Amino acid sequence: MMRYFKPDDFTGNRAWDALDIAKMDGTTVRLHWTDKPYKWHINDGQEVFVVLKGRVDMHVREADGTVTVTQMSDGMIAHATEGTEHVAHPQGAARILVIEKEGSV
């Protein structure tokens, strides 16, 4: 079976609502809709974060405590290695594909 998804067709009822796309060997692929920042967190493993639609400021806390911010737009991909503390701040509504270990924050 093949399933297709149009990110523009998914709008959550609240920030960071998700549409489950797939679960594969302990990894989830989820389409998120949000218009509000997430929370500072460290995933239980690696995370791949793809901005499908919108603009997102990705804040990353470095080991020395400094915070770097990268402005992400349509099609940009971020890879957070295990132990990377980060938070996403959308600039308006955004649709984001997140691939991470199942059950991660």
N, C-alpha and C. Protein backbone atom coordinates (compact mmCIF):
# COMPACT_ATOMS: atom_id res chain seq x y z
N MET A 1 0.84 -1.18 0.00
CA MET A 1 0.00 0.00 0.00
C MET A 1 0.89 1.24 0.00
N MET A 2 0.49 2.24 -0.75
CA MET A 2 1.19 3.52 -0.80
C MET A 2 0.23 4.59 -0.29
N ARG A 3 0.73 5.43 0.63
CA ARG A 3 -0.08 6.55 1.13
C ARG A 3 0.62 7.85 0.74
N TYR A 4 -0.17 8.90 0.51
CA TYR A 4 0.37 10.19 0.12
C TYR A 4 -0.14 11.25 1.09
N PHE A 5 0.69 12.26 1.31
CA PHE A 5 0.36 13.31 2.26
C PHE A 5 0.68 14.66 1.65
N LYS A 6 -0.22 15.62 1.79
CA LYS A 6 0.02 17.00 1.40
C LYS A 6 0.11 17.81 2.68
N PRO A 7 1.29 18.31 3.02
CA PRO A 7 1.44 19.05 4.28
C PRO A 7 0.42 20.16 4.47
N ASP A 8 0.07 20.87 3.41
CA ASP A 8 -0.89 21.97 3.52
C ASP A 8 -2.28 21.51 3.97
N ASP A 9 -2.58 20.22 3.78
CA ASP A 9 -3.90 19.70 4.16
C ASP A 9 -4.01 19.42 5.65
N PHE A 10 -2.88 19.44 6.38
CA PHE A 10 -2.90 19.12 7.81
C PHE A 10 -2.74 20.39 8.64
N THR A 11 -3.74 20.65 9.47
CA THR A 11 -3.67 21.73 10.45
C THR A 11 -4.13 21.15 11.77
N GLY A 12 -3.31 21.29 12.78
CA GLY A 12 -3.65 20.75 14.08
C GLY A 12 -4.65 21.60 14.82
N ASN A 13 -5.18 21.03 15.89
CA ASN A 13 -6.10 21.76 16.76
C ASN A 13 -5.34 22.60 17.78
N ARG A 14 -4.07 22.26 17.98
CA ARG A 14 -3.22 23.00 18.90
C ARG A 14 -1.79 22.91 18.40
N ALA A 15 -0.93 23.77 18.94
CA ALA A 15 0.46 23.79 18.52
C ALA A 15 1.11 22.42 18.73
N TRP A 16 1.90 22.01 17.78
CA TRP A 16 2.67 20.77 17.76
C TRP A 16 1.81 19.51 17.64
N ASP A 17 0.53 19.68 17.22
CA ASP A 17 -0.25 18.49 16.87
C ASP A 17 0.49 17.74 15.78
N ALA A 18 0.30 16.43 15.75
CA ALA A 18 1.05 15.62 14.78
C ALA A 18 0.16 14.62 14.07
N LEU A 19 0.51 14.36 12.84
CA LEU A 19 -0.08 13.30 12.03
C LEU A 19 0.99 12.24 11.88
N ASP A 20 0.73 11.05 12.39
CA ASP A 20 1.70 9.95 12.29
C ASP A 20 1.76 9.46 10.85
N ILE A 21 2.95 9.50 10.28
CA ILE A 21 3.16 9.03 8.91
C ILE A 21 3.60 7.57 8.93
N ALA A 22 4.61 7.25 9.77
CA ALA A 22 5.13 5.89 9.80
C ALA A 22 5.86 5.62 11.11
N LYS A 23 5.89 4.33 11.47
CA LYS A 23 6.73 3.83 12.55
C LYS A 23 7.57 2.72 11.95
N MET A 24 8.90 2.86 12.08
CA MET A 24 9.81 1.91 11.45
C MET A 24 10.91 1.53 12.42
N ASP A 25 10.91 0.31 12.88
CA ASP A 25 11.98 -0.20 13.73
C ASP A 25 12.35 0.76 14.87
N GLY A 26 11.33 1.24 15.59
CA GLY A 26 11.58 2.11 16.73
C GLY A 26 11.76 3.58 16.39
N THR A 27 11.54 3.94 15.14
CA THR A 27 11.65 5.32 14.69
C THR A 27 10.30 5.81 14.20
N THR A 28 9.95 7.05 14.55
CA THR A 28 8.70 7.61 14.05
C THR A 28 8.95 8.70 13.04
N VAL A 29 8.04 8.82 12.10
CA VAL A 29 8.01 9.90 11.12
C VAL A 29 6.67 10.58 11.31
N ARG A 30 6.72 11.88 11.68
CA ARG A 30 5.49 12.59 12.01
C ARG A 30 5.47 13.96 11.34
N LEU A 31 4.29 14.33 10.85
CA LEU A 31 4.07 15.66 10.30
C LEU A 31 3.47 16.51 11.42
N HIS A 32 4.15 17.60 11.77
CA HIS A 32 3.67 18.49 12.82
C HIS A 32 3.16 19.78 12.21
N TRP A 33 2.11 20.32 12.83
CA TRP A 33 1.65 21.67 12.54
C TRP A 33 1.83 22.47 13.81
N THR A 34 2.35 23.69 13.69
CA THR A 34 2.49 24.53 14.88
C THR A 34 2.54 25.99 14.49
N ASP A 35 2.17 26.82 15.45
CA ASP A 35 2.32 28.26 15.31
C ASP A 35 2.90 28.86 16.59
N LYS A 36 3.41 27.97 17.46
CA LYS A 36 4.00 28.39 18.72
C LYS A 36 5.30 27.62 18.97
N PRO A 37 6.22 28.20 19.75
CA PRO A 37 7.48 27.50 20.04
C PRO A 37 7.23 26.19 20.79
N TYR A 38 8.18 25.28 20.66
CA TYR A 38 8.15 24.05 21.44
C TYR A 38 8.76 24.37 22.80
N LYS A 39 9.43 23.44 23.42
CA LYS A 39 10.13 23.68 24.68
C LYS A 39 11.57 23.23 24.51
N TRP A 40 12.47 23.80 25.29
CA TRP A 40 13.85 23.33 25.25
C TRP A 40 13.85 21.85 25.60
N HIS A 41 14.57 21.05 24.82
CA HIS A 41 14.59 19.61 25.09
C HIS A 41 15.83 18.96 24.49
N ILE A 42 16.09 17.75 24.96
CA ILE A 42 17.12 16.88 24.41
C ILE A 42 16.43 15.57 24.07
N ASN A 43 16.51 15.17 22.81
CA ASN A 43 15.86 13.93 22.38
C ASN A 43 16.57 12.70 22.90
N ASP A 44 15.83 11.61 22.98
CA ASP A 44 16.39 10.30 23.33
C ASP A 44 16.95 9.67 22.05
N GLY A 45 17.99 10.25 21.54
CA GLY A 45 18.58 9.77 20.28
C GLY A 45 18.68 10.94 19.31
N GLN A 46 18.88 10.62 18.05
CA GLN A 46 19.02 11.63 17.01
C GLN A 46 17.65 12.11 16.54
N GLU A 47 17.64 13.28 15.90
CA GLU A 47 16.40 13.82 15.34
C GLU A 47 16.72 14.48 14.00
N VAL A 48 15.86 14.23 13.03
CA VAL A 48 15.92 14.93 11.75
C VAL A 48 14.65 15.78 11.68
N PHE A 49 14.83 17.06 11.37
CA PHE A 49 13.78 18.06 11.42
C PHE A 49 13.75 18.76 10.07
N VAL A 50 12.63 18.64 9.33
CA VAL A 50 12.53 19.18 7.98
C VAL A 50 11.40 20.21 7.93
N VAL A 51 11.72 21.45 7.59
CA VAL A 51 10.69 22.46 7.42
C VAL A 51 10.08 22.26 6.04
N LEU A 52 8.83 21.83 6.03
CA LEU A 52 8.14 21.62 4.76
C LEU A 52 7.49 22.91 4.27
N LYS A 53 6.95 23.67 5.22
CA LYS A 53 6.26 24.91 4.86
C LYS A 53 6.37 25.88 6.03
N GLY A 54 6.88 27.07 5.77
CA GLY A 54 6.96 28.08 6.80
C GLY A 54 8.39 28.46 7.13
N ARG A 55 8.52 29.23 8.21
CA ARG A 55 9.83 29.65 8.70
C ARG A 55 9.95 29.27 10.16
N VAL A 56 11.10 28.75 10.54
CA VAL A 56 11.35 28.30 11.91
C VAL A 56 12.73 28.78 12.32
N ASP A 57 12.81 29.41 13.48
CA ASP A 57 14.11 29.74 14.07
C ASP A 57 14.49 28.60 15.00
N MET A 58 15.58 27.91 14.69
CA MET A 58 16.05 26.79 15.51
C MET A 58 17.12 27.31 16.46
N HIS A 59 16.85 27.19 17.75
CA HIS A 59 17.78 27.62 18.79
C HIS A 59 18.49 26.38 19.33
N VAL A 60 19.81 26.43 19.41
CA VAL A 60 20.61 25.31 19.90
C VAL A 60 21.53 25.82 21.01
N ARG A 61 21.50 25.12 22.15
CA ARG A 61 22.38 25.49 23.26
C ARG A 61 23.67 24.71 23.14
N GLU A 62 24.78 25.44 23.03
CA GLU A 62 26.09 24.82 22.91
C GLU A 62 26.58 24.35 24.29
N ALA A 63 27.63 23.56 24.31
CA ALA A 63 28.17 23.01 25.56
C ALA A 63 28.57 24.11 26.55
N ASP A 64 29.02 25.27 26.03
CA ASP A 64 29.43 26.35 26.93
C ASP A 64 28.26 27.25 27.35
N GLY A 65 27.03 26.88 26.94
CA GLY A 65 25.85 27.63 27.34
C GLY A 65 25.38 28.67 26.34
N THR A 66 26.21 28.99 25.36
CA THR A 66 25.78 29.97 24.37
C THR A 66 24.70 29.36 23.48
N VAL A 67 23.85 30.23 22.97
CA VAL A 67 22.75 29.78 22.12
C VAL A 67 22.97 30.32 20.71
N THR A 68 22.90 29.43 19.73
CA THR A 68 22.96 29.85 18.33
C THR A 68 21.57 29.69 17.74
N VAL A 69 21.25 30.57 16.80
CA VAL A 69 19.94 30.54 16.15
C VAL A 69 20.15 30.45 14.65
N THR A 70 19.49 29.48 14.03
CA THR A 70 19.53 29.33 12.58
C THR A 70 18.12 29.51 12.04
N GLN A 71 17.97 30.39 11.06
CA GLN A 71 16.67 30.59 10.44
C GLN A 71 16.48 29.54 9.35
N MET A 72 15.43 28.75 9.52
CA MET A 72 15.12 27.69 8.58
C MET A 72 13.89 28.07 7.77
N SER A 73 13.88 27.68 6.49
CA SER A 73 12.74 27.95 5.62
C SER A 73 12.40 26.69 4.84
N ASP A 74 11.41 26.79 3.97
CA ASP A 74 10.92 25.64 3.20
C ASP A 74 12.07 24.79 2.66
N GLY A 75 12.02 23.50 2.97
CA GLY A 75 12.98 22.55 2.44
C GLY A 75 14.25 22.39 3.24
N MET A 76 14.47 23.23 4.25
CA MET A 76 15.70 23.09 5.04
C MET A 76 15.59 21.93 6.02
N ILE A 77 16.72 21.28 6.25
CA ILE A 77 16.80 20.09 7.10
C ILE A 77 17.81 20.34 8.21
N ALA A 78 17.43 19.96 9.44
CA ALA A 78 18.35 20.02 10.57
C ALA A 78 18.51 18.61 11.12
N HIS A 79 19.73 18.27 11.52
CA HIS A 79 20.00 16.98 12.16
C HIS A 79 20.57 17.26 13.53
N ALA A 80 19.84 16.86 14.58
CA ALA A 80 20.32 17.01 15.95
C ALA A 80 20.91 15.68 16.39
N THR A 81 22.19 15.69 16.72
CA THR A 81 22.81 14.48 17.23
C THR A 81 22.34 14.24 18.65
N GLU A 82 22.53 13.04 19.13
CA GLU A 82 22.11 12.70 20.49
C GLU A 82 22.77 13.66 21.48
N GLY A 83 21.96 14.19 22.41
CA GLY A 83 22.47 15.09 23.44
C GLY A 83 22.43 16.56 23.08
N THR A 84 21.91 16.91 21.89
CA THR A 84 21.84 18.31 21.47
C THR A 84 20.59 18.97 22.04
N GLU A 85 20.78 19.99 22.88
CA GLU A 85 19.64 20.71 23.46
C GLU A 85 19.18 21.77 22.45
N HIS A 86 17.88 21.79 22.17
CA HIS A 86 17.36 22.69 21.14
C HIS A 86 15.89 23.00 21.36
N VAL A 87 15.43 24.04 20.66
CA VAL A 87 14.01 24.41 20.65
C VAL A 87 13.70 25.10 19.33
N ALA A 88 12.53 24.79 18.78
CA ALA A 88 12.09 25.38 17.51
C ALA A 88 11.07 26.49 17.79
N HIS A 89 11.28 27.64 17.14
CA HIS A 89 10.37 28.78 17.25
C HIS A 89 9.83 29.09 15.85
N PRO A 90 8.61 28.65 15.53
CA PRO A 90 8.05 28.99 14.21
C PRO A 90 7.74 30.49 14.14
N GLN A 91 7.86 31.04 12.97
CA GLN A 91 7.50 32.43 12.70
C GLN A 91 6.19 32.39 11.92
N GLY A 92 5.08 32.30 12.63
CA GLY A 92 3.78 32.05 12.01
C GLY A 92 3.55 30.55 11.95
N ALA A 93 2.57 30.14 11.18
CA ALA A 93 2.26 28.71 11.07
C ALA A 93 3.35 27.98 10.27
N ALA A 94 3.66 26.77 10.70
CA ALA A 94 4.67 25.96 10.00
C ALA A 94 4.26 24.50 10.01
N ARG A 95 4.69 23.80 8.98
CA ARG A 95 4.49 22.35 8.90
C ARG A 95 5.88 21.72 8.83
N ILE A 96 6.11 20.78 9.73
CA ILE A 96 7.45 20.25 9.95
C ILE A 96 7.40 18.73 9.98
N LEU A 97 8.30 18.09 9.27
CA LEU A 97 8.45 16.64 9.32
C LEU A 97 9.55 16.32 10.32
N VAL A 98 9.22 15.48 11.31
CA VAL A 98 10.20 15.10 12.34
C VAL A 98 10.38 13.59 12.31
N ILE A 99 11.64 13.18 12.25
CA ILE A 99 12.01 11.75 12.27
C ILE A 99 12.86 11.56 13.51
N GLU A 100 12.41 10.71 14.43
CA GLU A 100 13.10 10.52 15.69
C GLU A 100 12.74 9.18 16.32
N LYS A 101 13.47 8.84 17.37
CA LYS A 101 13.21 7.62 18.10
C LYS A 101 11.80 7.67 18.68
N GLU A 102 11.07 6.58 18.53
CA GLU A 102 9.70 6.50 19.04
C GLU A 102 9.67 6.80 20.54
N GLY A 103 8.75 7.69 20.93
CA GLY A 103 8.60 8.04 22.34
C GLY A 103 9.50 9.16 22.80
N SER A 104 10.33 9.70 21.90
CA SER A 104 11.21 10.79 22.27
C SER A 104 10.39 12.02 22.59
N VAL A 105 10.99 12.95 23.30
CA VAL A 105 10.30 14.19 23.72
C VAL A 105 9.86 14.97 22.52
